[in-house]
Structures are given as structure tokens and as C-alpha cells.
Amino acid sequence: MDVNKAFELIQRKLYDWMRDFIRMLPNLLLAALVIVIGFYLSKIISRFARKTFNRLSHGAVITNLFGSFVHIFCIGVTLFIALSILGLDKALTSMLAGAGIAGLAFAFAFQDIAANFMSGILITLRRPLRVGDVVKVKDYMGKVQTVNLRDTVVMTFQGQMVIIPNKEVLQNPI
């Protein structure tokens, strides 16, 4: 191959890329505008959802969790719209299918963590115990210090701080 032919090939390729970039520029600008507006609206919507859910739940942990889910959902919709404007929604669909398969593998790997997390949500909603209650869970008796999404912290009467997974709290008699 001659050097001049190689140079022409590179020059032609760069010209095609520049032409495609200029042709795609309005869509890029529109997608960037959609992303900026979408991120701004997702903050407003999640703030509104937190306030609304706080009136219903009165639990700060669950309210923040719900607000985070709403925020992530809004951002996902925004990104999907932006990619659709750019004509990349088919590629995103393929990536989401792959992520679903990977998510299934992670679900099996982290099922204990997920069980504790879901138990924490149920404990926060049902409120079988509250901070300050004296409880006996399994072999531990003491005063509840905190109830988190993954665990419950109990201070025994001997002065030991015991961290009990929420799955154990929910599945055993209190």
C-alpha cells in the first residue's frame, strides 16, 4: 500500500467522522438538554416523594430509601430518553438484558444481605420494636439502641453491644 493511499484513507475516514458528528450535533445538544432538565426534575420529584412518604411513614430510613428509589428511577427514565434521542436505545436494551442476567447471579450471591435488607424494611414499616424497648431476641436481652436497614443494635444489661441481623429479628420470637 502506498503512503499516499493510506493518507487518503485516513483523511476520508476523518472527514466522514466529522460529517457524521456535525449531522448528529443537534441530537447531541438536545440529549444534553434532556439530561440537564431530567436531573433537575428528578431532584424535585424525589424531594416531593420524600415529603409525601414522610407524612405516611414517619420513618426516616424508609423515607430516604423511597426517595432514593424515585430519584434513581427518574434518572433512568431521563437517560433512556436521551439515548433514544441519539438512536442508541437498542444498545441500551441489550445492555439491560445483560445486566438482568448479572443481577440474577448477584441476587443468589448476596441473598443473605438482601434478606436482612428486606427484613429491615418490614421491621421499619411494622414496628414490632422501637428504639428504647427492652427486648429478648434469641439469646440476647437488652435495650434497642438503633434499628437499621440491615441490622438491629441491642445493648445488653451486661454492657455489651450486640448487632443482630434483621433476618434473625424478624424470624425469631421477640
C-alpha atoms as a PDB file:
ATOM      1  CA  MET A   1       0.000   0.000   0.000  1.00  0.00           C
ATOM      2  CA  ASP A   2       1.270   3.393  -0.934  1.00  0.00           C
ATOM      3  CA  VAL A   3       1.723   6.110   1.717  1.00  0.00           C
ATOM      4  CA  ASN A   4      -0.462   8.475  -0.289  1.00  0.00           C
ATOM      5  CA  LYS A   5      -3.295   5.922  -0.413  1.00  0.00           C
ATOM      6  CA  ALA A   6      -3.015   5.354   3.330  1.00  0.00           C
ATOM      7  CA  PHE A   7      -3.081   9.107   3.931  1.00  0.00           C
ATOM      8  CA  GLU A   8      -6.153   9.468   1.686  1.00  0.00           C
ATOM      9  CA  LEU A   9      -7.893   6.630   3.512  1.00  0.00           C
ATOM     10  CA  ILE A  10      -7.237   8.247   6.899  1.00  0.00           C
ATOM     11  CA  GLN A  11      -8.281  11.650   5.579  1.00  0.00           C
ATOM     12  CA  ARG A  12     -11.510  10.222   4.114  1.00  0.00           C
ATOM     13  CA  LYS A  13     -12.313   8.428   7.382  1.00  0.00           C
ATOM     14  CA  LEU A  14     -11.735  11.594   9.429  1.00  0.00           C
ATOM     15  CA  TYR A  15     -13.887  13.563   7.017  1.00  0.00           C
ATOM     16  CA  ASP A  16     -16.718  11.007   7.347  1.00  0.00           C
ATOM     17  CA  TRP A  17     -16.485  11.128  11.139  1.00  0.00           C
ATOM     18  CA  MET A  18     -16.602  14.933  11.119  1.00  0.00           C
ATOM     19  CA  ARG A  19     -19.583  14.947   8.742  1.00  0.00           C
ATOM     20  CA  ASP A  20     -21.441  12.427  10.949  1.00  0.00           C
ATOM     21  CA  PHE A  21     -20.590  14.436  14.071  1.00  0.00           C
ATOM     22  CA  ILE A  22     -21.950  17.655  12.515  1.00  0.00           C
ATOM     23  CA  ARG A  23     -25.052  15.803  11.351  1.00  0.00           C
ATOM     24  CA  MET A  24     -25.545  14.411  14.880  1.00  0.00           C
ATOM     25  CA  LEU A  25     -24.809  17.705  16.685  1.00  0.00           C
ATOM     26  CA  PRO A  26     -28.471  18.851  17.057  1.00  0.00           C
ATOM     27  CA  ASN A  27     -29.361  15.473  18.594  1.00  0.00           C
ATOM     28  CA  LEU A  28     -26.358  15.668  20.937  1.00  0.00           C
ATOM     29  CA  LEU A  29     -27.396  19.126  22.108  1.00  0.00           C
ATOM     30  CA  LEU A  30     -30.999  18.012  22.596  1.00  0.00           C
ATOM     31  CA  ALA A  31     -29.881  14.916  24.517  1.00  0.00           C
ATOM     32  CA  ALA A  32     -27.634  17.058  26.744  1.00  0.00           C
ATOM     33  CA  LEU A  33     -30.546  19.424  27.399  1.00  0.00           C
ATOM     34  CA  VAL A  34     -32.825  16.490  28.260  1.00  0.00           C
ATOM     35  CA  ILE A  35     -30.213  15.139  30.695  1.00  0.00           C
ATOM     36  CA  VAL A  36     -29.773  18.501  32.449  1.00  0.00           C
ATOM     37  CA  ILE A  37     -33.528  19.079  32.748  1.00  0.00           C
ATOM     38  CA  GLY A  38     -34.109  15.442  33.749  1.00  0.00           C
ATOM     39  CA  PHE A  39     -31.530  15.563  36.563  1.00  0.00           C
ATOM     40  CA  TYR A  40     -33.052  18.800  37.849  1.00  0.00           C
ATOM     41  CA  LEU A  41     -36.593  17.395  37.708  1.00  0.00           C
ATOM     42  CA  SER A  42     -35.513  14.139  39.362  1.00  0.00           C
ATOM     43  CA  LYS A  43     -34.251  16.098  42.376  1.00  0.00           C
ATOM     44  CA  ILE A  44     -37.530  17.987  42.631  1.00  0.00           C
ATOM     45  CA  ILE A  45     -39.648  14.847  42.204  1.00  0.00           C
ATOM     46  CA  SER A  46     -37.626  12.842  44.734  1.00  0.00           C
ATOM     47  CA  ARG A  47     -37.822  15.695  47.259  1.00  0.00           C
ATOM     48  CA  PHE A  48     -41.609  15.795  46.785  1.00  0.00           C
ATOM     49  CA  ALA A  49     -41.799  11.994  47.123  1.00  0.00           C
ATOM     50  CA  ARG A  50     -39.777  12.103  50.370  1.00  0.00           C
ATOM     51  CA  LYS A  51     -42.083  14.747  51.845  1.00  0.00           C
ATOM     52  CA  THR A  52     -45.182  12.829  50.811  1.00  0.00           C
ATOM     53  CA  PHE A  53     -43.873   9.491  52.071  1.00  0.00           C
ATOM     54  CA  ASN A  54     -42.681  11.090  55.326  1.00  0.00           C
ATOM     55  CA  ARG A  55     -46.285  12.076  56.073  1.00  0.00           C
ATOM     56  CA  LEU A  56     -47.386   8.470  55.538  1.00  0.00           C
ATOM     57  CA  SER A  57     -44.487   6.576  57.130  1.00  0.00           C
ATOM     58  CA  HIS A  58     -42.839   8.712  59.844  1.00  0.00           C
ATOM     59  CA  GLY A  59     -39.706   6.584  59.410  1.00  0.00           C
ATOM     60  CA  ALA A  60     -36.628   8.475  58.218  1.00  0.00           C
ATOM     61  CA  VAL A  61     -34.863   5.364  56.924  1.00  0.00           C
ATOM     62  CA  ILE A  62     -37.790   4.212  54.792  1.00  0.00           C
ATOM     63  CA  THR A  63     -38.495   7.755  53.610  1.00  0.00           C
ATOM     64  CA  ASN A  64     -34.902   8.173  52.406  1.00  0.00           C
ATOM     65  CA  LEU A  65     -34.968   4.739  50.764  1.00  0.00           C
ATOM     66  CA  PHE A  66     -38.184   5.543  48.918  1.00  0.00           C
ATOM     67  CA  GLY A  67     -36.830   8.953  47.873  1.00  0.00           C
ATOM     68  CA  SER A  68     -33.655   7.316  46.557  1.00  0.00           C
ATOM     69  CA  PHE A  69     -35.679   4.784  44.540  1.00  0.00           C
ATOM     70  CA  VAL A  70     -37.746   7.589  42.991  1.00  0.00           C
ATOM     71  CA  HIS A  71     -34.576   9.584  42.207  1.00  0.00           C
ATOM     72  CA  ILE A  72     -32.848   6.614  40.556  1.00  0.00           C
ATOM     73  CA  PHE A  73     -35.987   5.750  38.582  1.00  0.00           C
ATOM     74  CA  CYS A  74     -36.278   9.337  37.276  1.00  0.00           C
ATOM     75  CA  ILE A  75     -32.612   9.402  36.285  1.00  0.00           C
ATOM     76  CA  GLY A  76     -33.030   6.070  34.495  1.00  0.00           C
ATOM     77  CA  VAL A  77     -36.005   7.396  32.519  1.00  0.00           C
ATOM     78  CA  THR A  78     -34.021  10.535  31.669  1.00  0.00           C
ATOM     79  CA  LEU A  79     -31.037   8.555  30.413  1.00  0.00           C
ATOM     80  CA  PHE A  80     -33.277   6.236  28.389  1.00  0.00           C
ATOM     81  CA  ILE A  81     -34.939   9.250  26.719  1.00  0.00           C
ATOM     82  CA  ALA A  82     -31.547  10.841  25.967  1.00  0.00           C
ATOM     83  CA  LEU A  83     -30.203   7.617  24.464  1.00  0.00           C
ATOM     84  CA  SER A  84     -33.378   7.254  22.428  1.00  0.00           C
ATOM     85  CA  ILE A  85     -32.810  10.746  21.002  1.00  0.00           C
ATOM     86  CA  LEU A  86     -29.316   9.655  19.986  1.00  0.00           C
ATOM     87  CA  GLY A  87     -30.651   6.452  18.449  1.00  0.00           C
ATOM     88  CA  LEU A  88     -28.865   4.230  20.989  1.00  0.00           C
ATOM     89  CA  ASP A  89     -31.930   2.777  22.720  1.00  0.00           C
ATOM     90  CA  LYS A  90     -31.433  -0.638  21.075  1.00  0.00           C
ATOM     91  CA  ALA A  91     -27.916  -0.868  22.500  1.00  0.00           C
ATOM     92  CA  LEU A  92     -29.275   0.096  25.923  1.00  0.00           C
ATOM     93  CA  THR A  93     -31.896  -2.628  25.730  1.00  0.00           C
ATOM     94  CA  SER A  94     -29.182  -5.199  25.031  1.00  0.00           C
ATOM     95  CA  MET A  95     -27.096  -3.910  27.940  1.00  0.00           C
ATOM     96  CA  LEU A  96     -30.118  -4.053  30.264  1.00  0.00           C
ATOM     97  CA  ALA A  97     -30.719  -7.677  29.294  1.00  0.00           C
ATOM     98  CA  GLY A  98     -27.115  -8.487  30.165  1.00  0.00           C
ATOM     99  CA  ALA A  99     -27.430  -6.554  33.423  1.00  0.00           C
ATOM    100  CA  GLY A 100     -30.537  -8.569  34.263  1.00  0.00           C
ATOM    101  CA  ILE A 101     -28.612 -11.811  33.925  1.00  0.00           C
ATOM    102  CA  ALA A 102     -25.759 -10.414  36.026  1.00  0.00           C
ATOM    103  CA  GLY A 103     -28.303  -9.158  38.572  1.00  0.00           C
ATOM    104  CA  LEU A 104     -29.713 -12.652  38.909  1.00  0.00           C
ATOM    105  CA  ALA A 105     -26.249 -14.017  39.634  1.00  0.00           C
ATOM    106  CA  PHE A 106     -25.646 -11.277  42.216  1.00  0.00           C
ATOM    107  CA  ALA A 107     -29.024 -11.981  43.813  1.00  0.00           C
ATOM    108  CA  PHE A 108     -28.002 -15.553  44.510  1.00  0.00           C
ATOM    109  CA  ALA A 109     -24.611 -14.451  45.794  1.00  0.00           C
ATOM    110  CA  PHE A 110     -25.978 -11.786  48.132  1.00  0.00           C
ATOM    111  CA  GLN A 111     -29.246 -13.367  49.223  1.00  0.00           C
ATOM    112  CA  ASP A 112     -28.453 -13.079  52.960  1.00  0.00           C
ATOM    113  CA  ILE A 113     -27.740  -9.368  52.629  1.00  0.00           C
ATOM    114  CA  ALA A 114     -30.929  -8.920  50.622  1.00  0.00           C
ATOM    115  CA  ALA A 115     -32.922 -10.895  53.223  1.00  0.00           C
ATOM    116  CA  ASN A 116     -31.579  -8.671  56.011  1.00  0.00           C
ATOM    117  CA  PHE A 117     -32.353  -5.580  53.956  1.00  0.00           C
ATOM    118  CA  MET A 118     -35.936  -6.646  53.204  1.00  0.00           C
ATOM    119  CA  SER A 119     -36.397  -7.653  56.847  1.00  0.00           C
ATOM    120  CA  GLY A 120     -35.203  -4.199  57.878  1.00  0.00           C
ATOM    121  CA  ILE A 121     -37.806  -2.603  55.637  1.00  0.00           C
ATOM    122  CA  LEU A 122     -40.541  -4.800  57.154  1.00  0.00           C
ATOM    123  CA  ILE A 123     -39.365  -4.042  60.696  1.00  0.00           C
ATOM    124  CA  THR A 124     -39.386  -0.321  59.959  1.00  0.00           C
ATOM    125  CA  LEU A 125     -42.890  -0.480  58.483  1.00  0.00           C
ATOM    126  CA  ARG A 126     -44.480  -2.897  61.009  1.00  0.00           C
ATOM    127  CA  ARG A 127     -42.554  -1.589  64.034  1.00  0.00           C
ATOM    128  CA  PRO A 128     -42.508  -4.690  66.239  1.00  0.00           C
ATOM    129  CA  LEU A 129     -39.765  -2.988  68.225  1.00  0.00           C
ATOM    130  CA  ARG A 130     -38.582   0.580  68.666  1.00  0.00           C
ATOM    131  CA  VAL A 131     -35.510   2.342  69.962  1.00  0.00           C
ATOM    132  CA  GLY A 132     -35.542   2.178  73.761  1.00  0.00           C
ATOM    133  CA  ASP A 133     -37.601  -1.036  74.007  1.00  0.00           C
ATOM    134  CA  VAL A 134     -36.279  -3.823  76.218  1.00  0.00           C
ATOM    135  CA  VAL A 135     -36.314  -6.994  74.115  1.00  0.00           C
ATOM    136  CA  LYS A 136     -35.071 -10.548  74.070  1.00  0.00           C
ATOM    137  CA  VAL A 137     -34.080 -11.803  70.635  1.00  0.00           C
ATOM    138  CA  LYS A 138     -32.609 -15.307  70.508  1.00  0.00           C
ATOM    139  CA  ASP A 139     -30.129 -15.445  73.406  1.00  0.00           C
ATOM    140  CA  TYR A 140     -29.705 -11.689  73.794  1.00  0.00           C
ATOM    141  CA  MET A 141     -31.712  -9.466  76.114  1.00  0.00           C
ATOM    142  CA  GLY A 142     -31.251  -5.733  76.318  1.00  0.00           C
ATOM    143  CA  LYS A 143     -32.308  -2.285  75.209  1.00  0.00           C
ATOM    144  CA  VAL A 144     -32.706  -1.488  71.494  1.00  0.00           C
ATOM    145  CA  GLN A 145     -30.196   1.209  70.504  1.00  0.00           C
ATOM    146  CA  THR A 146     -30.840   1.508  66.750  1.00  0.00           C
ATOM    147  CA  VAL A 147     -32.832  -0.227  64.040  1.00  0.00           C
ATOM    148  CA  ASN A 148     -31.037  -0.006  60.688  1.00  0.00           C
ATOM    149  CA  LEU A 149     -31.988  -1.463  57.332  1.00  0.00           C
ATOM    150  CA  ARG A 150     -29.607  -4.425  57.731  1.00  0.00           C
ATOM    151  CA  ASP A 151     -29.301  -4.913  61.489  1.00  0.00           C
ATOM    152  CA  THR A 152     -30.629  -4.056  64.920  1.00  0.00           C
ATOM    153  CA  VAL A 153     -28.244  -2.941  67.670  1.00  0.00           C
ATOM    154  CA  VAL A 154     -29.097  -4.076  71.222  1.00  0.00           C
ATOM    155  CA  MET A 155     -27.201  -3.023  74.359  1.00  0.00           C
ATOM    156  CA  THR A 156     -27.305  -5.926  76.829  1.00  0.00           C
ATOM    157  CA  PHE A 157     -27.613  -5.364  80.558  1.00  0.00           C
ATOM    158  CA  GLN A 158     -24.003  -6.536  80.879  1.00  0.00           C
ATOM    159  CA  GLY A 159     -22.902  -3.560  78.745  1.00  0.00           C
ATOM    160  CA  GLN A 160     -22.255  -5.498  75.528  1.00  0.00           C
ATOM    161  CA  MET A 161     -23.379  -4.024  72.229  1.00  0.00           C
ATOM    162  CA  VAL A 162     -24.857  -6.801  70.098  1.00  0.00           C
ATOM    163  CA  ILE A 163     -25.566  -6.389  66.393  1.00  0.00           C
ATOM    164  CA  ILE A 164     -28.348  -8.754  65.349  1.00  0.00           C
ATOM    165  CA  PRO A 165     -29.159  -9.231  61.628  1.00  0.00           C
ATOM    166  CA  ASN A 166     -32.712  -8.131  60.882  1.00  0.00           C
ATOM    167  CA  LYS A 167     -33.490 -11.510  59.358  1.00  0.00           C
ATOM    168  CA  GLU A 168     -32.928 -13.058  62.805  1.00  0.00           C
ATOM    169  CA  VAL A 169     -35.033 -10.367  64.485  1.00  0.00           C
ATOM    170  CA  LEU A 170     -37.935 -10.923  62.119  1.00  0.00           C
ATOM    171  CA  GLN A 171     -37.834 -14.734  62.095  1.00  0.00           C
ATOM    172  CA  ASN A 172     -37.469 -15.310  65.833  1.00  0.00           C
ATOM    173  CA  PRO A 173     -39.829 -14.526  68.703  1.00  0.00           C
ATOM    174  CA  ILE A 174     -39.218 -11.137  70.281  1.00  0.00           C
END
